Amino acid sequence: MGISKTEIFTDQQNEIALFAKAFGHPARVAILQHLFKIDTCVCGDLVNEIGLAQPTISQHLKALKNLGLIQGSVEGTRVCYCIDPKHWTKMKQILSNFLNQDVSIKSDCC
């Protein structure tokens, strides 16, 4: 497989792409929705709520945590996860700026 060449793109372009990747799988969307709904969670609860295997949930949690959208804290043998408000706000601002761009319609446009 070829190199992704992310270095030829701006930091903002790479950041938008990474955030978009977080929403690129319905399981990650469901995890985020569940975390917003209950404010905190443990992995076992997510397995019951989402209906996927524990290793699959763990992979999605890892992806979301690596992006900084969620944070986790160890409590005994369990890890509790919640939305990271600082990074969530930053992500919303970046995506909002990108998505709020408007197209001007010109008659000679393709």
Protein backbone atom coordinates (compact mmCIF):
# COMPACT_ATOMS: atom_id res chain seq x y z
CA MET A 1 0.00 0.00 0.00
CA GLY A 2 1.24 3.51 -0.83
CA ILE A 3 2.22 6.27 1.52
CA SER A 4 -0.64 8.58 2.46
CA LYS A 5 1.57 11.69 2.01
CA THR A 6 -0.21 13.55 4.78
CA GLU A 7 2.83 15.82 5.04
CA ILE A 8 1.89 17.57 1.78
CA PHE A 9 -1.35 18.82 3.36
CA THR A 10 -1.81 21.55 5.94
CA ASP A 11 -2.18 20.76 9.62
CA GLN A 12 -5.79 21.93 9.39
CA GLN A 13 -6.54 19.63 6.44
CA ASN A 14 -5.04 16.67 8.29
CA GLU A 15 -6.95 17.55 11.44
CA ILE A 16 -10.28 17.80 9.59
CA ALA A 17 -9.62 14.43 7.96
CA LEU A 18 -8.84 12.81 11.32
CA PHE A 19 -11.99 14.18 12.92
CA ALA A 20 -14.04 13.05 9.93
CA LYS A 21 -12.52 9.59 10.35
CA ALA A 22 -13.88 9.50 13.90
CA PHE A 23 -17.39 9.78 12.45
CA GLY A 24 -16.58 7.37 9.62
CA HIS A 25 -17.84 4.31 11.50
CA PRO A 26 -21.31 4.01 13.00
CA ALA A 27 -19.94 2.24 16.09
CA ARG A 28 -17.84 5.29 16.98
CA VAL A 29 -20.86 7.54 16.45
CA ALA A 30 -22.93 5.26 18.70
CA ILE A 31 -20.21 5.27 21.36
CA LEU A 32 -20.06 9.07 21.36
CA GLN A 33 -23.84 9.34 21.52
CA HIS A 34 -23.94 6.93 24.45
CA LEU A 35 -21.21 8.81 26.29
CA PHE A 36 -23.13 12.07 25.85
CA LYS A 37 -26.31 10.42 27.06
CA ILE A 38 -24.91 9.02 30.31
CA ASP A 39 -21.91 11.35 30.82
CA THR A 40 -19.52 8.52 31.82
CA CYS A 41 -19.20 4.89 30.93
CA VAL A 42 -17.16 1.72 31.26
CA CYS A 43 -16.26 -0.58 28.40
CA GLY A 44 -18.53 -3.39 29.58
CA ASP A 45 -21.54 -1.07 29.50
CA LEU A 46 -20.71 -0.15 25.93
CA VAL A 47 -20.59 -3.80 24.90
CA ASN A 48 -24.12 -4.26 26.23
CA GLU A 49 -25.37 -0.97 24.79
CA ILE A 50 -23.81 -1.14 21.32
CA GLY A 51 -23.94 -4.90 20.80
CA LEU A 52 -20.42 -5.41 19.50
CA ALA A 53 -17.70 -7.62 20.97
CA GLN A 54 -15.50 -6.17 23.72
CA PRO A 55 -12.32 -6.19 21.57
CA THR A 56 -14.16 -4.30 18.81
CA ILE A 57 -15.47 -1.70 21.27
CA SER A 58 -11.95 -1.36 22.69
CA GLN A 59 -10.54 -0.67 19.22
CA HIS A 60 -13.11 2.07 18.62
CA LEU A 61 -12.49 3.55 22.07
CA LYS A 62 -8.76 3.59 21.34
CA ALA A 63 -9.34 5.42 18.05
CA LEU A 64 -11.55 8.03 19.75
CA LYS A 65 -9.08 8.42 22.61
CA ASN A 66 -6.14 8.83 20.21
CA LEU A 67 -8.04 11.67 18.53
CA GLY A 68 -8.58 13.23 21.95
CA LEU A 69 -12.37 13.19 21.67
CA ILE A 70 -12.71 10.99 24.75
CA GLN A 71 -10.66 10.48 27.87
CA GLY A 72 -10.41 7.51 30.17
CA SER A 73 -9.54 6.98 33.79
CA VAL A 74 -8.65 3.70 35.46
CA GLU A 75 -10.90 2.69 38.35
CA GLY A 76 -9.70 -0.63 39.69
CA THR A 77 -9.95 -3.14 36.88
CA ARG A 78 -12.23 -0.91 34.78
CA VAL A 79 -11.62 2.11 32.61
CA CYS A 80 -14.26 4.81 32.67
CA TYR A 81 -14.61 6.90 29.52
CA CYS A 82 -16.16 10.30 28.95
CA ILE A 83 -16.15 13.03 26.33
CA ASP A 84 -13.10 15.29 26.58
CA PRO A 85 -14.83 18.71 26.62
CA LYS A 86 -11.74 20.71 25.61
CA HIS A 87 -10.99 18.62 22.52
CA TRP A 88 -14.68 18.22 21.67
CA THR A 89 -15.06 22.02 21.59
CA LYS A 90 -11.93 22.38 19.48
CA MET A 91 -13.17 19.74 17.03
CA LYS A 92 -16.57 21.43 16.76
CA GLN A 93 -14.93 24.78 15.95
CA ILE A 94 -12.63 23.32 13.30
CA LEU A 95 -15.40 21.33 11.62
CA SER A 96 -17.85 24.23 11.91
CA ASN A 97 -15.42 26.58 10.12
CA PHE A 98 -14.96 24.00 7.38
CA LEU A 99 -18.64 23.06 6.99
CA ASN A 100 -19.94 26.63 7.14
CA GLN A 101 -18.24 27.56 3.89
CA ASP A 102 -20.75 28.59 1.25
CA VAL A 103 -20.64 28.06 -2.47
CA SER A 104 -21.39 31.00 -4.67
CA ILE A 105 -23.42 29.92 -7.70
CA LYS A 106 -22.27 31.37 -10.99
CA SER A 107 -24.08 30.93 -14.25
CA ASP A 108 -20.90 29.82 -16.02
CA CYS A 109 -20.06 27.26 -13.33
CA CYS A 110 -19.84 23.60 -14.25
